[in-house]
């Protein structure tokens, strides 16, 4: 899905990261506060409904660039750091 379509469906960049393909993303999502997980799930479900109905959100509901925060990246960064530390520990 293009960046423009993400905005039209009010998704954030981190909403489109696929947790089924990446264990680090799965773990980061597990650590995410429940309120952020609920907001992410709402945006994803709404985008799927809009796509199925071949509709887009009204412009006032689009995600603005300044609102498109990469909320999951700090968690992913921490998970990857911990995984690398474990791998180094296991090697020694």
PDB file of N, CA and C in Angstrom:
ATOM      1  N   UNK A   1       0.845  -1.167   0.000  1.00  0.00           N
ATOM      2  CA  UNK A   1       0.000   0.000   0.000  1.00  0.00           C
ATOM      3  C   UNK A   1       0.901   1.244   0.000  1.00  0.00           C
ATOM      4  N   UNK A   2       0.534   2.211  -0.797  1.00  0.00           N
ATOM      5  CA  UNK A   2       1.354   3.411  -0.930  1.00  0.00           C
ATOM      6  C   UNK A   2       1.187   4.330   0.284  1.00  0.00           C
ATOM      7  N   UNK A   3       2.126   5.245   0.447  1.00  0.00           N
ATOM      8  CA  UNK A   3       2.043   6.218   1.544  1.00  0.00           C
ATOM      9  C   UNK A   3       0.773   7.044   1.424  1.00  0.00           C
ATOM     10  N   UNK A   4       0.420   7.410   0.191  1.00  0.00           N
ATOM     11  CA  UNK A   4      -0.787   8.213  -0.038  1.00  0.00           C
ATOM     12  C   UNK A   4      -2.027   7.442   0.412  1.00  0.00           C
ATOM     13  N   UNK A   5      -2.103   6.154   0.087  1.00  0.00           N
ATOM     14  CA  UNK A   5      -3.261   5.351   0.497  1.00  0.00           C
ATOM     15  C   UNK A   5      -3.299   5.204   2.018  1.00  0.00           C
ATOM     16  N   UNK A   6      -2.133   5.090   2.650  1.00  0.00           N
ATOM     17  CA  UNK A   6      -2.099   5.028   4.116  1.00  0.00           C
ATOM     18  C   UNK A   6      -2.747   6.264   4.711  1.00  0.00           C
ATOM     19  N   UNK A   7      -2.416   7.414   4.144  1.00  0.00           N
ATOM     20  CA  UNK A   7      -2.978   8.663   4.650  1.00  0.00           C
ATOM     21  C   UNK A   7      -4.480   8.724   4.412  1.00  0.00           C
ATOM     22  N   UNK A   8      -4.924   8.277   3.241  1.00  0.00           N
ATOM     23  CA  UNK A   8      -6.344   8.317   2.911  1.00  0.00           C
ATOM     24  C   UNK A   8      -7.155   7.377   3.800  1.00  0.00           C
ATOM     25  N   UNK A   9      -6.522   6.321   4.260  1.00  0.00           N
ATOM     26  CA  UNK A   9      -7.206   5.371   5.132  1.00  0.00           C
ATOM     27  C   UNK A   9      -6.864   5.619   6.591  1.00  0.00           C
ATOM     28  N   UNK A  10      -6.077   6.646   6.831  1.00  0.00           N
ATOM     29  CA  UNK A  10      -5.706   7.086   8.173  1.00  0.00           C
ATOM     30  C   UNK A  10      -4.854   6.062   8.921  1.00  0.00           C
ATOM     31  N   UNK A  11      -3.991   5.371   8.191  1.00  0.00           N
ATOM     32  CA  UNK A  11      -3.024   4.478   8.816  1.00  0.00           C
ATOM     33  C   UNK A  11      -1.743   5.242   9.099  1.00  0.00           C
ATOM     34  N   UNK A  12      -1.010   4.790  10.095  1.00  0.00           N
ATOM     35  CA  UNK A  12       0.319   5.338  10.363  1.00  0.00           C
ATOM     36  C   UNK A  12       1.344   4.384   9.769  1.00  0.00           C
ATOM     37  N   UNK A  13       2.568   4.872   9.588  1.00  0.00           N
ATOM     38  CA  UNK A  13       3.606   4.032   8.969  1.00  0.00           C
ATOM     39  C   UNK A  13       3.807   2.724   9.724  1.00  0.00           C
ATOM     40  N   UNK A  14       3.824   2.780  11.038  1.00  0.00           N
ATOM     41  CA  UNK A  14       4.065   1.562  11.817  1.00  0.00           C
ATOM     42  C   UNK A  14       2.870   0.611  11.815  1.00  0.00           C
ATOM     43  N   UNK A  15       1.701   1.087  11.407  1.00  0.00           N
ATOM     44  CA  UNK A  15       0.524   0.216  11.338  1.00  0.00           C
ATOM     45  C   UNK A  15       0.681  -0.858  10.271  1.00  0.00           C
ATOM     46  N   UNK A  16       1.467  -0.586   9.246  1.00  0.00           N
ATOM     47  CA  UNK A  16       1.572  -1.532   8.135  1.00  0.00           C
ATOM     48  C   UNK A  16       2.732  -2.516   8.290  1.00  0.00           C
ATOM     49  N   UNK A  17       3.444  -2.463   9.410  1.00  0.00           N
ATOM     50  CA  UNK A  17       4.494  -3.452   9.666  1.00  0.00           C
ATOM     51  C   UNK A  17       3.836  -4.791   9.973  1.00  0.00           C
ATOM     52  N   UNK A  18       4.332  -5.847   9.331  1.00  0.00           N
ATOM     53  CA  UNK A  18       3.697  -7.158   9.427  1.00  0.00           C
ATOM     54  C   UNK A  18       4.319  -8.000  10.538  1.00  0.00           C
ATOM     55  N   UNK A  19       3.568  -8.158  11.616  1.00  0.00           N
ATOM     56  CA  UNK A  19       4.075  -8.927  12.757  1.00  0.00           C
ATOM     57  C   UNK A  19       4.134 -10.420  12.502  1.00  0.00           C
ATOM     58  N   UNK A  20       3.417 -10.920  11.496  1.00  0.00           N
ATOM     59  CA  UNK A  20       3.440 -12.360  11.234  1.00  0.00           C
ATOM     60  C   UNK A  20       4.748 -12.787  10.583  1.00  0.00           C
ATOM     61  N   UNK A  21       5.467 -11.850   9.987  1.00  0.00           N
ATOM     62  CA  UNK A  21       6.706 -12.183   9.296  1.00  0.00           C
ATOM     63  C   UNK A  21       7.958 -11.892  10.108  1.00  0.00           C
ATOM     64  N   UNK A  22       7.838 -11.142  11.186  1.00  0.00           N
ATOM     65  CA  UNK A  22       9.018 -10.685  11.920  1.00  0.00           C
ATOM     66  C   UNK A  22       8.807 -10.843  13.427  1.00  0.00           C
ATOM     67  N   UNK A  23       9.620 -11.675  14.041  1.00  0.00           N
ATOM     68  CA  UNK A  23       9.505 -11.928  15.480  1.00  0.00           C
ATOM     69  C   UNK A  23       9.814 -10.683  16.305  1.00  0.00           C
ATOM     70  N   UNK A  24      10.711  -9.829  15.812  1.00  0.00           N
ATOM     71  CA  UNK A  24      11.032  -8.597  16.539  1.00  0.00           C
ATOM     72  C   UNK A  24       9.823  -7.664  16.602  1.00  0.00           C
ATOM     73  N   UNK A  25       9.107  -7.554  15.496  1.00  0.00           N
ATOM     74  CA  UNK A  25       7.905  -6.718  15.477  1.00  0.00           C
ATOM     75  C   UNK A  25       6.840  -7.320  16.382  1.00  0.00           C
ATOM     76  N   UNK A  26       6.705  -8.630  16.358  1.00  0.00           N
ATOM     77  CA  UNK A  26       5.735  -9.320  17.226  1.00  0.00           C
ATOM     78  C   UNK A  26       6.029  -9.019  18.699  1.00  0.00           C
ATOM     79  N   UNK A  27       7.295  -9.095  19.081  1.00  0.00           N
ATOM     80  CA  UNK A  27       7.681  -8.822  20.479  1.00  0.00           C
ATOM     81  C   UNK A  27       7.482  -7.347  20.818  1.00  0.00           C
ATOM     82  N   UNK A  28       7.804  -6.459  19.886  1.00  0.00           N
ATOM     83  CA  UNK A  28       7.602  -5.024  20.117  1.00  0.00           C
ATOM     84  C   UNK A  28       6.119  -4.731  20.342  1.00  0.00           C
ATOM     85  N   UNK A  29       5.253  -5.353  19.560  1.00  0.00           N
ATOM     86  CA  UNK A  29       3.808  -5.166  19.736  1.00  0.00           C
ATOM     87  C   UNK A  29       3.338  -5.705  21.083  1.00  0.00           C
ATOM     88  N   UNK A  30       3.947  -6.795  21.535  1.00  0.00           N
ATOM     89  CA  UNK A  30       3.581  -7.360  22.829  1.00  0.00           C
ATOM     90  C   UNK A  30       3.917  -6.381  23.955  1.00  0.00           C
ATOM     91  N   UNK A  31       4.981  -5.606  23.780  1.00  0.00           N
ATOM     92  CA  UNK A  31       5.418  -4.650  24.801  1.00  0.00           C
ATOM     93  C   UNK A  31       4.683  -3.308  24.718  1.00  0.00           C
ATOM     94  N   UNK A  32       4.031  -3.070  23.624  1.00  0.00           N
ATOM     95  CA  UNK A  32       3.330  -1.798  23.414  1.00  0.00           C
ATOM     96  C   UNK A  32       2.191  -1.655  24.422  1.00  0.00           C
ATOM     97  N   UNK A  33       1.985  -0.469  24.981  1.00  0.00           N
ATOM     98  CA  UNK A  33       0.860  -0.268  25.906  1.00  0.00           C
ATOM     99  C   UNK A  33      -0.476  -0.610  25.234  1.00  0.00           C
ATOM    100  N   UNK A  34      -1.389  -1.154  26.020  1.00  0.00           N
ATOM    101  CA  UNK A  34      -2.669  -1.619  25.493  1.00  0.00           C
ATOM    102  C   UNK A  34      -3.417  -0.539  24.716  1.00  0.00           C
ATOM    103  N   UNK A  35      -3.380   0.690  25.190  1.00  0.00           N
ATOM    104  CA  UNK A  35      -4.111   1.766  24.498  1.00  0.00           C
ATOM    105  C   UNK A  35      -3.568   1.974  23.089  1.00  0.00           C
ATOM    106  N   UNK A  36      -2.251   1.868  22.908  1.00  0.00           N
ATOM    107  CA  UNK A  36      -1.666   2.026  21.575  1.00  0.00           C
ATOM    108  C   UNK A  36      -1.991   0.835  20.680  1.00  0.00           C
ATOM    109  N   UNK A  37      -2.027  -0.362  21.256  1.00  0.00           N
ATOM    110  CA  UNK A  37      -2.417  -1.552  20.488  1.00  0.00           C
ATOM    111  C   UNK A  37      -3.866  -1.420  20.032  1.00  0.00           C
ATOM    112  N   UNK A  38      -4.740  -0.970  20.932  1.00  0.00           N
ATOM    113  CA  UNK A  38      -6.149  -0.786  20.579  1.00  0.00           C
ATOM    114  C   UNK A  38      -6.313   0.243  19.467  1.00  0.00           C
ATOM    115  N   UNK A  39      -5.580   1.361  19.545  1.00  0.00           N
ATOM    116  CA  UNK A  39      -5.653   2.385  18.505  1.00  0.00           C
ATOM    117  C   UNK A  39      -5.160   1.832  17.172  1.00  0.00           C
ATOM    118  N   UNK A  40      -4.074   1.060  17.208  1.00  0.00           N
ATOM    119  CA  UNK A  40      -3.519   0.458  15.986  1.00  0.00           C
ATOM    120  C   UNK A  40      -4.537  -0.498  15.374  1.00  0.00           C
ATOM    121  N   UNK A  41      -5.115  -1.356  16.208  1.00  0.00           N
ATOM    122  CA  UNK A  41      -6.102  -2.323  15.706  1.00  0.00           C
ATOM    123  C   UNK A  41      -7.303  -1.616  15.101  1.00  0.00           C
ATOM    124  N   UNK A  42      -7.757  -0.537  15.733  1.00  0.00           N
ATOM    125  CA  UNK A  42      -8.886   0.224  15.197  1.00  0.00           C
ATOM    126  C   UNK A  42      -8.562   0.769  13.813  1.00  0.00           C
ATOM    127  N   UNK A  43      -7.359   1.363  13.663  1.00  0.00           N
ATOM    128  CA  UNK A  43      -6.981   1.930  12.361  1.00  0.00           C
ATOM    129  C   UNK A  43      -6.886   0.851  11.291  1.00  0.00           C
ATOM    130  N   UNK A  44      -6.334  -0.314  11.645  1.00  0.00           N
ATOM    131  CA  UNK A  44      -6.183  -1.398  10.672  1.00  0.00           C
ATOM    132  C   UNK A  44      -7.555  -1.940  10.256  1.00  0.00           C
ATOM    133  N   UNK A  45      -8.428  -2.165  11.218  1.00  0.00           N
ATOM    134  CA  UNK A  45      -9.764  -2.681  10.904  1.00  0.00           C
ATOM    135  C   UNK A  45     -10.539  -1.671  10.054  1.00  0.00           C
ATOM    136  N   UNK A  46     -10.448  -0.395  10.420  1.00  0.00           N
ATOM    137  CA  UNK A  46     -11.142   0.634   9.641  1.00  0.00           C
ATOM    138  C   UNK A  46     -10.603   0.670   8.209  1.00  0.00           C
ATOM    139  N   UNK A  47      -9.299   0.555   8.039  1.00  0.00           N
ATOM    140  CA  UNK A  47      -8.702   0.562   6.697  1.00  0.00           C
ATOM    141  C   UNK A  47      -9.178  -0.647   5.885  1.00  0.00           C
ATOM    142  N   UNK A  48      -9.268  -1.815   6.522  1.00  0.00           N
ATOM    143  CA  UNK A  48      -9.752  -3.008   5.808  1.00  0.00           C
ATOM    144  C   UNK A  48     -11.214  -2.845   5.395  1.00  0.00           C
ATOM    145  N   UNK A  49     -12.027  -2.268   6.276  1.00  0.00           N
ATOM    146  CA  UNK A  49     -13.434  -2.031   5.932  1.00  0.00           C
ATOM    147  C   UNK A  49     -13.553  -1.042   4.778  1.00  0.00           C
ATOM    148  N   UNK A  50     -12.781   0.037   4.835  1.00  0.00           N
ATOM    149  CA  UNK A  50     -12.806   1.023   3.754  1.00  0.00           C
ATOM    150  C   UNK A  50     -12.371   0.402   2.431  1.00  0.00           C
ATOM    151  N   UNK A  51     -11.330  -0.421   2.484  1.00  0.00           N
ATOM    152  CA  UNK A  51     -10.835  -1.068   1.275  1.00  0.00           C
ATOM    153  C   UNK A  51     -11.893  -2.017   0.700  1.00  0.00           C
ATOM    154  N   UNK A  52     -12.545  -2.773   1.556  1.00  0.00           N
ATOM    155  CA  UNK A  52     -13.577  -3.708   1.099  1.00  0.00           C
ATOM    156  C   UNK A  52     -14.758  -2.972   0.479  1.00  0.00           C
ATOM    157  N   UNK A  53     -15.063  -1.791   1.010  1.00  0.00           N
ATOM    158  CA  UNK A  53     -16.193  -1.005   0.511  1.00  0.00           C
ATOM    159  C   UNK A  53     -15.778  -0.065  -0.626  1.00  0.00           C
ATOM    160  N   UNK A  54     -14.482  -0.086  -0.987  1.00  0.00           N
ATOM    161  CA  UNK A  54     -13.948   0.800  -2.033  1.00  0.00           C
ATOM    162  C   UNK A  54     -14.235   2.267  -1.724  1.00  0.00           C
ATOM    163  N   UNK A  55     -13.984   2.643  -0.468  1.00  0.00           N
ATOM    164  CA  UNK A  55     -14.208   4.017  -0.020  1.00  0.00           C
ATOM    165  C   UNK A  55     -12.916   4.569   0.574  1.00  0.00           C
ATOM    166  N   UNK A  56     -12.872   5.885   0.735  1.00  0.00           N
ATOM    167  CA  UNK A  56     -11.794   6.534   1.484  1.00  0.00           C
ATOM    168  C   UNK A  56     -12.432   7.403   2.555  1.00  0.00           C
ATOM    169  N   UNK A  57     -11.648   7.739   3.558  1.00  0.00           N
ATOM    170  CA  UNK A  57     -12.151   8.599   4.633  1.00  0.00           C
ATOM    171  C   UNK A  57     -12.343  10.025   4.130  1.00  0.00           C
ATOM    172  N   UNK A  58     -13.233  10.759   4.783  1.00  0.00           N
ATOM    173  CA  UNK A  58     -13.321  12.190   4.480  1.00  0.00           C
ATOM    174  C   UNK A  58     -11.966  12.848   4.793  1.00  0.00           C
ATOM    175  N   UNK A  59     -11.619  13.876   4.058  1.00  0.00           N
ATOM    176  CA  UNK A  59     -10.297  14.493   4.171  1.00  0.00           C
ATOM    177  C   UNK A  59      -9.968  14.946   5.594  1.00  0.00           C
ATOM    178  N   UNK A  60     -10.949  15.407   6.348  1.00  0.00           N
ATOM    179  CA  UNK A  60     -10.666  15.869   7.718  1.00  0.00           C
ATOM    180  C   UNK A  60     -10.254  14.726   8.657  1.00  0.00           C
ATOM    181  N   UNK A  61     -10.454  13.471   8.231  1.00  0.00           N
ATOM    182  CA  UNK A  61     -10.061  12.327   9.056  1.00  0.00           C
ATOM    183  C   UNK A  61      -8.758  11.685   8.593  1.00  0.00           C
ATOM    184  N   UNK A  62      -8.160  12.186   7.524  1.00  0.00           N
ATOM    185  CA  UNK A  62      -6.890  11.651   7.047  1.00  0.00           C
ATOM    186  C   UNK A  62      -5.799  11.891   8.077  1.00  0.00           C
ATOM    187  N   UNK A  63      -4.828  11.004   8.128  1.00  0.00           N
ATOM    188  CA  UNK A  63      -3.669  11.195   8.991  1.00  0.00           C
ATOM    189  C   UNK A  63      -2.802  12.300   8.402  1.00  0.00           C
ATOM    190  N   UNK A  64      -2.506  13.299   9.204  1.00  0.00           N
ATOM    191  CA  UNK A  64      -1.624  14.381   8.754  1.00  0.00           C
ATOM    192  C   UNK A  64      -0.178  13.945   8.950  1.00  0.00           C
ATOM    193  N   UNK A  65       0.717  14.452   8.121  1.00  0.00           N
ATOM    194  CA  UNK A  65       2.120  14.045   8.201  1.00  0.00           C
ATOM    195  C   UNK A  65       2.692  14.268   9.594  1.00  0.00           C
ATOM    196  N   UNK A  66       2.335  15.379  10.223  1.00  0.00           N
ATOM    197  CA  UNK A  66       2.882  15.656  11.561  1.00  0.00           C
ATOM    198  C   UNK A  66       2.296  14.732  12.628  1.00  0.00           C
ATOM    199  N   UNK A  67       1.159  14.101  12.346  1.00  0.00           N
ATOM    200  CA  UNK A  67       0.553  13.156  13.300  1.00  0.00           C
ATOM    201  C   UNK A  67       1.049  11.726  13.086  1.00  0.00           C
ATOM    202  N   UNK A  68       1.736  11.504  11.981  1.00  0.00           N
ATOM    203  CA  UNK A  68       2.196  10.156  11.635  1.00  0.00           C
ATOM    204  C   UNK A  68       3.478   9.828  12.402  1.00  0.00           C
ATOM    205  N   UNK A  69       3.314   9.489  13.662  1.00  0.00           N
ATOM    206  CA  UNK A  69       4.452   9.187  14.538  1.00  0.00           C
ATOM    207  C   UNK A  69       4.838   7.721  14.381  1.00  0.00           C
ATOM    208  N   UNK A  70       6.107   7.466  14.453  1.00  0.00           N
ATOM    209  CA  UNK A  70       6.583   6.078  14.376  1.00  0.00           C
ATOM    210  C   UNK A  70       6.610   5.520  15.799  1.00  0.00           C
ATOM    211  N   UNK A  71       5.422   5.215  16.297  1.00  0.00           N
ATOM    212  CA  UNK A  71       5.227   4.830  17.695  1.00  0.00           C
ATOM    213  C   UNK A  71       5.852   3.488  18.053  1.00  0.00           C
ATOM    214  N   UNK A  72       6.038   2.609  17.091  1.00  0.00           N
ATOM    215  CA  UNK A  72       6.546   1.267  17.375  1.00  0.00           C
ATOM    216  C   UNK A  72       8.076   1.182  17.292  1.00  0.00           C
ATOM    217  N   UNK A  73       8.704   2.131  16.616  1.00  0.00           N
ATOM    218  CA  UNK A  73      10.154   2.069  16.375  1.00  0.00           C
ATOM    219  C   UNK A  73      11.005   1.992  17.645  1.00  0.00           C
ATOM    220  N   UNK A  74      10.716   2.751  18.706  1.00  0.00           N
ATOM    221  CA  UNK A  74      11.549   2.612  19.919  1.00  0.00           C
ATOM    222  C   UNK A  74      11.483   1.195  20.513  1.00  0.00           C
ATOM    223  N   UNK A  75      10.318   0.575  20.416  1.00  0.00           N
ATOM    224  CA  UNK A  75      10.165  -0.787  20.942  1.00  0.00           C
ATOM    225  C   UNK A  75      10.922  -1.788  20.071  1.00  0.00           C
ATOM    226  N   UNK A  76      10.829  -1.613  18.758  1.00  0.00           N
ATOM    227  CA  UNK A  76      11.546  -2.508  17.843  1.00  0.00           C
ATOM    228  C   UNK A  76      13.052  -2.368  18.059  1.00  0.00           C
ATOM    229  N   UNK A  77      13.508  -1.139  18.197  1.00  0.00           N
ATOM    230  CA  UNK A  77      14.939  -0.890  18.425  1.00  0.00           C
ATOM    231  C   UNK A  77      15.418  -1.593  19.692  1.00  0.00           C
ATOM    232  N   UNK A  78      14.638  -1.506  20.768  1.00  0.00           N
ATOM    233  CA  UNK A  78      15.001  -2.149  22.030  1.00  0.00           C
ATOM    234  C   UNK A  78      15.004  -3.672  21.895  1.00  0.00           C
ATOM    235  N   UNK A  79      14.011  -4.219  21.219  1.00  0.00           N
ATOM    236  CA  UNK A  79      13.928  -5.673  21.028  1.00  0.00           C
ATOM    237  C   UNK A  79      15.130  -6.168  20.234  1.00  0.00           C
ATOM    238  N   UNK A  80      15.486  -5.458  19.165  1.00  0.00           N
ATOM    239  CA  UNK A  80      16.636  -5.867  18.347  1.00  0.00           C
ATOM    240  C   UNK A  80      17.939  -5.778  19.138  1.00  0.00           C
ATOM    241  N   UNK A  81      18.061  -4.742  19.949  1.00  0.00           N
ATOM    242  CA  UNK A  81      19.252  -4.592  20.789  1.00  0.00           C
ATOM    243  C   UNK A  81      19.369  -5.764  21.759  1.00  0.00           C
ATOM    244  N   UNK A  82      18.260  -6.115  22.403  1.00  0.00           N
ATOM    245  CA  UNK A  82      18.272  -7.235  23.352  1.00  0.00           C
ATOM    246  C   UNK A  82      18.573  -8.556  22.652  1.00  0.00           C
ATOM    247  N   UNK A  83      18.021  -8.740  21.451  1.00  0.00           N
ATOM    248  CA  UNK A  83      18.269  -9.980  20.705  1.00  0.00           C
ATOM    249  C   UNK A  83      19.749 -10.096  20.353  1.00  0.00           C
ATOM    250  N   UNK A  84      20.362  -8.993  19.917  1.00  0.00           N
ATOM    251  CA  UNK A  84      21.788  -9.010  19.574  1.00  0.00           C
ATOM    252  C   UNK A  84      22.638  -9.298  20.810  1.00  0.00           C
ATOM    253  N   UNK A  85      22.255  -8.729  21.958  1.00  0.00           N
ATOM    254  CA  UNK A  85      22.986  -9.002  23.199  1.00  0.00           C
ATOM    255  C   UNK A  85      22.886 -10.485  23.565  1.00  0.00           C
ATOM    256  N   UNK A  86      21.688 -11.069  23.394  1.00  0.00           N
ATOM    257  CA  UNK A  86      21.515 -12.507  23.679  1.00  0.00           C
ATOM    258  C   UNK A  86      22.373 -13.350  22.748  1.00  0.00           C
ATOM    259  N   UNK A  87      22.407 -12.969  21.457  1.00  0.00           N
ATOM    260  CA  UNK A  87      23.213 -13.716  20.491  1.00  0.00           C
ATOM    261  C   UNK A  87      24.694 -13.640  20.849  1.00  0.00           C
ATOM    262  N   UNK A  88      25.168 -12.461  21.245  1.00  0.00           N
ATOM    263  CA  UNK A  88      26.563 -12.317  21.670  1.00  0.00           C
ATOM    264  C   UNK A  88      26.852 -13.147  22.915  1.00  0.00           C
ATOM    265  N   UNK A  89      25.899 -13.144  23.844  1.00  0.00           N
ATOM    266  CA  UNK A  89      26.060 -13.909  25.079  1.00  0.00           C
ATOM    267  C   UNK A  89      26.136 -15.410  24.777  1.00  0.00           C
ATOM    268  N   UNK A  90      25.271 -15.863  23.863  1.00  0.00           N
ATOM    269  CA  UNK A  90      25.252 -17.275  23.498  1.00  0.00           C
ATOM    270  C   UNK A  90      26.521 -17.704  22.784  1.00  0.00           C
ATOM    271  N   UNK A  91      27.122 -16.774  22.033  1.00  0.00           N
ATOM    272  CA  UNK A  91      28.366 -17.102  21.305  1.00  0.00           C
ATOM    273  C   UNK A  91      29.551 -17.272  22.254  1.00  0.00           C
ATOM    274  N   UNK A  92      29.524 -16.567  23.363  1.00  0.00           N
ATOM    275  CA  UNK A  92      30.697 -16.634  24.259  1.00  0.00           C
ATOM    276  C   UNK A  92      30.579 -17.728  25.273  1.00  0.00           C
TER     277      UNK A  92
END
